[in-house]
Amino acid sequence: MDPEDALIEKIQNNLSKNGFPEKVVSFPLSKIQAIVEKDELELDMILSRLSMAGIYSQEQDDKLVFAATPDDFSNQADSSESPSAGDGLGDLLNGLGDLPFNFDPASFAGKSKDDIMSMGKDMMDKMSETDKGELFKKFMSMPAEQKEKLMGKAKDFKLF
């Protein structure tokens, strides 16, 4: 099993053992970072894939907090203004808005990196040049921060 998939599965199992999704669960951030660094993985990618599977995360002090919905974070003291640490690929792609071709960012939820790459390639192969141009225009009109995050995901996938 891919180390990234193995870590995601381990986090999901530990969350379940601790009452997730009924409870908001937190783990020491330093412990998760140590595992990620040891396996030479990207924490942002792990958290992104978890958020695509409906497991949202947020850094709070020295903890990484997981919840079943983003609204669960607002129920915790002083956390309602903090952005989620695990902005998912689906969330980033939602910023592209309505496109003229059949595209559902939620279809990436819970998929492996290889599956996401294959789905993206299939989607691009089926797009007309006009659709590709429209996609580029939508991307260029996204806020700079969102474009940076999306490009970071592209680097995580080794697209360039």
C-alpha atoms as a PDB file:
ATOM      1  CA  MET A   1       0.000   0.000   0.000  1.00  0.00           C
ATOM      2  CA  ASP A   2       1.186   3.511  -0.836  1.00  0.00           C
ATOM      3  CA  PRO A   3       2.575   5.248   2.322  1.00  0.00           C
ATOM      4  CA  GLU A   4       0.149   8.147   1.856  1.00  0.00           C
ATOM      5  CA  ASP A   5      -2.843   5.799   1.588  1.00  0.00           C
ATOM      6  CA  ALA A   6      -1.586   3.840   4.619  1.00  0.00           C
ATOM      7  CA  LEU A   7      -1.323   6.989   6.748  1.00  0.00           C
ATOM      8  CA  ILE A   8      -4.770   8.179   5.694  1.00  0.00           C
ATOM      9  CA  GLU A   9      -6.212   4.788   6.604  1.00  0.00           C
ATOM     10  CA  LYS A  10      -4.416   4.865   9.974  1.00  0.00           C
ATOM     11  CA  ILE A  11      -5.765   8.340  10.762  1.00  0.00           C
ATOM     12  CA  GLN A  12      -9.283   7.258   9.782  1.00  0.00           C
ATOM     13  CA  ASN A  13      -9.039   4.166  12.023  1.00  0.00           C
ATOM     14  CA  ASN A  14      -7.745   6.205  14.972  1.00  0.00           C
ATOM     15  CA  LEU A  15     -10.491   8.762  14.481  1.00  0.00           C
ATOM     16  CA  SER A  16     -13.124   6.000  14.527  1.00  0.00           C
ATOM     17  CA  LYS A  17     -11.642   4.508  17.702  1.00  0.00           C
ATOM     18  CA  ASN A  18     -11.997   7.936  19.335  1.00  0.00           C
ATOM     19  CA  GLY A  19     -15.680   8.455  18.492  1.00  0.00           C
ATOM     20  CA  PHE A  20     -15.477  10.191  15.118  1.00  0.00           C
ATOM     21  CA  PRO A  21     -17.720  11.310  13.354  1.00  0.00           C
ATOM     22  CA  GLU A  22     -20.024  11.846  16.353  1.00  0.00           C
ATOM     23  CA  LYS A  23     -17.229  13.599  18.259  1.00  0.00           C
ATOM     24  CA  VAL A  24     -14.658  16.204  17.319  1.00  0.00           C
ATOM     25  CA  VAL A  25     -11.298  14.456  17.792  1.00  0.00           C
ATOM     26  CA  SER A  26      -7.833  15.951  18.156  1.00  0.00           C
ATOM     27  CA  PHE A  27      -4.339  14.494  17.951  1.00  0.00           C
ATOM     28  CA  PRO A  28      -1.002  16.090  18.842  1.00  0.00           C
ATOM     29  CA  LEU A  29       0.169  18.024  15.787  1.00  0.00           C
ATOM     30  CA  SER A  30       3.825  17.224  16.496  1.00  0.00           C
ATOM     31  CA  LYS A  31       3.148  13.479  16.418  1.00  0.00           C
ATOM     32  CA  ILE A  32       1.387  13.654  13.044  1.00  0.00           C
ATOM     33  CA  GLN A  33       4.080  15.938  11.635  1.00  0.00           C
ATOM     34  CA  ALA A  34       6.787  13.497  12.771  1.00  0.00           C
ATOM     35  CA  ILE A  35       5.070  10.599  10.963  1.00  0.00           C
ATOM     36  CA  VAL A  36       4.573  12.694   7.815  1.00  0.00           C
ATOM     37  CA  GLU A  37       8.207  13.838   7.789  1.00  0.00           C
ATOM     38  CA  LYS A  38       9.517  10.311   8.472  1.00  0.00           C
ATOM     39  CA  ASP A  39       7.622   8.985   5.453  1.00  0.00           C
ATOM     40  CA  GLU A  40       8.516  12.075   3.365  1.00  0.00           C
ATOM     41  CA  LEU A  41       4.849  12.913   2.792  1.00  0.00           C
ATOM     42  CA  GLU A  42       3.050  16.247   2.501  1.00  0.00           C
ATOM     43  CA  LEU A  43       0.744  17.039   5.429  1.00  0.00           C
ATOM     44  CA  ASP A  44      -1.343  19.390   3.259  1.00  0.00           C
ATOM     45  CA  MET A  45      -1.999  16.574   0.779  1.00  0.00           C
ATOM     46  CA  ILE A  46      -2.977  14.161   3.569  1.00  0.00           C
ATOM     47  CA  LEU A  47      -5.384  16.713   5.049  1.00  0.00           C
ATOM     48  CA  SER A  48      -6.745  17.577   1.606  1.00  0.00           C
ATOM     49  CA  ARG A  49      -7.527  13.955   0.847  1.00  0.00           C
ATOM     50  CA  LEU A  50      -9.143  13.549   4.264  1.00  0.00           C
ATOM     51  CA  SER A  51     -11.334  16.607   3.645  1.00  0.00           C
ATOM     52  CA  MET A  52     -12.394  15.146   0.289  1.00  0.00           C
ATOM     53  CA  ALA A  53     -13.533  12.103   2.290  1.00  0.00           C
ATOM     54  CA  GLY A  54     -15.582  14.325   4.631  1.00  0.00           C
ATOM     55  CA  ILE A  55     -13.012  14.562   7.419  1.00  0.00           C
ATOM     56  CA  TYR A  56     -12.233  18.218   8.016  1.00  0.00           C
ATOM     57  CA  SER A  57      -9.218  19.435   9.954  1.00  0.00           C
ATOM     58  CA  GLN A  58      -7.999  22.551  11.664  1.00  0.00           C
ATOM     59  CA  GLU A  59      -4.815  23.367  13.542  1.00  0.00           C
ATOM     60  CA  GLN A  60      -5.510  24.651  17.043  1.00  0.00           C
ATOM     61  CA  ASP A  61      -2.501  25.470  19.187  1.00  0.00           C
ATOM     62  CA  ASP A  62      -0.427  22.273  19.265  1.00  0.00           C
ATOM     63  CA  LYS A  63      -3.255  19.989  18.105  1.00  0.00           C
ATOM     64  CA  LEU A  64      -4.743  18.896  14.824  1.00  0.00           C
ATOM     65  CA  VAL A  65      -8.511  18.808  15.284  1.00  0.00           C
ATOM     66  CA  PHE A  66     -10.762  16.675  13.070  1.00  0.00           C
ATOM     67  CA  ALA A  67     -14.512  17.147  12.602  1.00  0.00           C
ATOM     68  CA  ALA A  68     -17.238  15.723  10.378  1.00  0.00           C
ATOM     69  CA  THR A  69     -18.351  19.188   9.216  1.00  0.00           C
ATOM     70  CA  PRO A  70     -16.623  22.577   9.057  1.00  0.00           C
ATOM     71  CA  ASP A  71     -19.405  23.944  11.305  1.00  0.00           C
ATOM     72  CA  ASP A  72     -18.207  21.692  14.142  1.00  0.00           C
ATOM     73  CA  PHE A  73     -15.139  23.917  14.530  1.00  0.00           C
ATOM     74  CA  SER A  74     -17.281  26.955  15.330  1.00  0.00           C
ATOM     75  CA  ASN A  75     -18.601  25.074  18.364  1.00  0.00           C
ATOM     76  CA  GLN A  76     -15.118  25.164  19.892  1.00  0.00           C
ATOM     77  CA  ALA A  77     -13.815  28.222  21.734  1.00  0.00           C
ATOM     78  CA  ASP A  78     -12.000  30.804  19.596  1.00  0.00           C
ATOM     79  CA  SER A  79     -11.867  28.582  16.521  1.00  0.00           C
ATOM     80  CA  SER A  80     -14.599  30.080  14.367  1.00  0.00           C
ATOM     81  CA  GLU A  81     -12.240  32.551  12.686  1.00  0.00           C
ATOM     82  CA  SER A  82      -9.501  30.056  11.850  1.00  0.00           C
ATOM     83  CA  PRO A  83      -9.556  28.604   8.339  1.00  0.00           C
ATOM     84  CA  SER A  84      -9.530  24.865   7.922  1.00  0.00           C
ATOM     85  CA  ALA A  85      -6.057  23.430   7.626  1.00  0.00           C
ATOM     86  CA  GLY A  86      -7.357  20.820   5.228  1.00  0.00           C
ATOM     87  CA  ASP A  87      -8.788  22.732   2.294  1.00  0.00           C
ATOM     88  CA  GLY A  88      -9.576  19.891  -0.077  1.00  0.00           C
ATOM     89  CA  LEU A  89      -9.032  19.647  -3.796  1.00  0.00           C
ATOM     90  CA  GLY A  90     -12.797  19.606  -4.276  1.00  0.00           C
ATOM     91  CA  ASP A  91     -13.091  22.820  -2.260  1.00  0.00           C
ATOM     92  CA  LEU A  92     -10.365  24.475  -4.342  1.00  0.00           C
ATOM     93  CA  LEU A  93     -11.919  23.344  -7.615  1.00  0.00           C
ATOM     94  CA  ASN A  94     -15.331  24.636  -6.516  1.00  0.00           C
ATOM     95  CA  GLY A  95     -13.817  28.095  -6.975  1.00  0.00           C
ATOM     96  CA  LEU A  96     -13.925  27.513 -10.710  1.00  0.00           C
ATOM     97  CA  GLY A  97     -17.693  27.970 -10.562  1.00  0.00           C
ATOM     98  CA  ASP A  98     -20.084  26.721 -13.210  1.00  0.00           C
ATOM     99  CA  LEU A  99     -18.279  25.415 -16.227  1.00  0.00           C
ATOM    100  CA  PRO A 100     -19.808  24.595 -19.610  1.00  0.00           C
ATOM    101  CA  PHE A 101     -18.865  20.922 -19.339  1.00  0.00           C
ATOM    102  CA  ASN A 102     -19.870  18.204 -16.905  1.00  0.00           C
ATOM    103  CA  PHE A 103     -17.596  18.711 -13.883  1.00  0.00           C
ATOM    104  CA  ASP A 104     -18.326  17.764 -10.273  1.00  0.00           C
ATOM    105  CA  PRO A 105     -15.515  18.594  -7.818  1.00  0.00           C
ATOM    106  CA  ALA A 106     -17.125  16.253  -5.278  1.00  0.00           C
ATOM    107  CA  SER A 107     -16.344  13.324  -7.585  1.00  0.00           C
ATOM    108  CA  PHE A 108     -12.720  13.537  -6.356  1.00  0.00           C
ATOM    109  CA  ALA A 109     -13.757  12.781  -2.742  1.00  0.00           C
ATOM    110  CA  GLY A 110     -12.057   9.775  -1.208  1.00  0.00           C
ATOM    111  CA  LYS A 111     -10.039   8.948  -4.321  1.00  0.00           C
ATOM    112  CA  SER A 112      -6.390   7.959  -4.340  1.00  0.00           C
ATOM    113  CA  LYS A 113      -3.807  10.188  -5.996  1.00  0.00           C
ATOM    114  CA  ASP A 114      -3.635   7.793  -8.969  1.00  0.00           C
ATOM    115  CA  ASP A 115      -7.439   7.818  -9.364  1.00  0.00           C
ATOM    116  CA  ILE A 116      -7.534  11.617  -9.237  1.00  0.00           C
ATOM    117  CA  MET A 117      -4.798  11.829 -11.873  1.00  0.00           C
ATOM    118  CA  SER A 118      -6.657   9.398 -14.119  1.00  0.00           C
ATOM    119  CA  MET A 119      -9.957  11.248 -13.681  1.00  0.00           C
ATOM    120  CA  GLY A 120      -8.287  14.570 -14.469  1.00  0.00           C
ATOM    121  CA  LYS A 121      -6.621  13.184 -17.592  1.00  0.00           C
ATOM    122  CA  ASP A 122      -9.911  11.687 -18.811  1.00  0.00           C
ATOM    123  CA  MET A 123     -11.680  14.987 -18.184  1.00  0.00           C
ATOM    124  CA  MET A 124      -9.045  16.956 -20.119  1.00  0.00           C
ATOM    125  CA  ASP A 125      -9.096  14.463 -23.007  1.00  0.00           C
ATOM    126  CA  LYS A 126     -12.866  14.923 -23.363  1.00  0.00           C
ATOM    127  CA  MET A 127     -12.770  18.728 -23.262  1.00  0.00           C
ATOM    128  CA  SER A 128     -12.939  20.831 -26.398  1.00  0.00           C
ATOM    129  CA  GLU A 129     -10.415  23.618 -26.947  1.00  0.00           C
ATOM    130  CA  THR A 130     -13.210  26.098 -26.122  1.00  0.00           C
ATOM    131  CA  ASP A 131     -13.858  24.318 -22.807  1.00  0.00           C
ATOM    132  CA  LYS A 132     -10.138  24.367 -22.002  1.00  0.00           C
ATOM    133  CA  GLY A 133     -10.051  28.089 -22.711  1.00  0.00           C
ATOM    134  CA  GLU A 134     -13.057  28.654 -20.460  1.00  0.00           C
ATOM    135  CA  LEU A 135     -11.396  26.617 -17.701  1.00  0.00           C
ATOM    136  CA  PHE A 136      -8.251  28.737 -18.018  1.00  0.00           C
ATOM    137  CA  LYS A 137     -10.291  31.972 -17.820  1.00  0.00           C
ATOM    138  CA  LYS A 138     -12.054  30.722 -14.678  1.00  0.00           C
ATOM    139  CA  PHE A 139      -8.723  29.760 -13.135  1.00  0.00           C
ATOM    140  CA  MET A 140      -7.234  33.174 -13.901  1.00  0.00           C
ATOM    141  CA  SER A 141     -10.197  34.911 -12.240  1.00  0.00           C
ATOM    142  CA  MET A 142      -9.797  32.949  -8.987  1.00  0.00           C
ATOM    143  CA  PRO A 143      -8.408  34.815  -5.953  1.00  0.00           C
ATOM    144  CA  ALA A 144      -4.594  34.697  -5.811  1.00  0.00           C
ATOM    145  CA  GLU A 145      -4.572  32.659  -2.584  1.00  0.00           C
ATOM    146  CA  GLN A 146      -6.854  30.022  -4.076  1.00  0.00           C
ATOM    147  CA  LYS A 147      -4.741  29.844  -7.257  1.00  0.00           C
ATOM    148  CA  GLU A 148      -1.618  29.342  -5.126  1.00  0.00           C
ATOM    149  CA  LYS A 149      -3.255  26.521  -3.178  1.00  0.00           C
ATOM    150  CA  LEU A 150      -4.461  24.859  -6.366  1.00  0.00           C
ATOM    151  CA  MET A 151      -0.995  25.131  -7.911  1.00  0.00           C
ATOM    152  CA  GLY A 152       0.426  23.642  -4.699  1.00  0.00           C
ATOM    153  CA  LYS A 153      -1.873  20.652  -5.190  1.00  0.00           C
ATOM    154  CA  ALA A 154      -0.647  20.358  -8.788  1.00  0.00           C
ATOM    155  CA  LYS A 155       2.939  20.268  -7.485  1.00  0.00           C
ATOM    156  CA  ASP A 156       1.921  17.614  -4.925  1.00  0.00           C
ATOM    157  CA  PHE A 157       0.668  15.539  -7.860  1.00  0.00           C
ATOM    158  CA  LYS A 158       3.983  16.190  -9.651  1.00  0.00           C
ATOM    159  CA  LEU A 159       2.227  17.790 -12.616  1.00  0.00           C
ATOM    160  CA  PHE A 160       5.225  20.110 -12.990  1.00  0.00           C
END
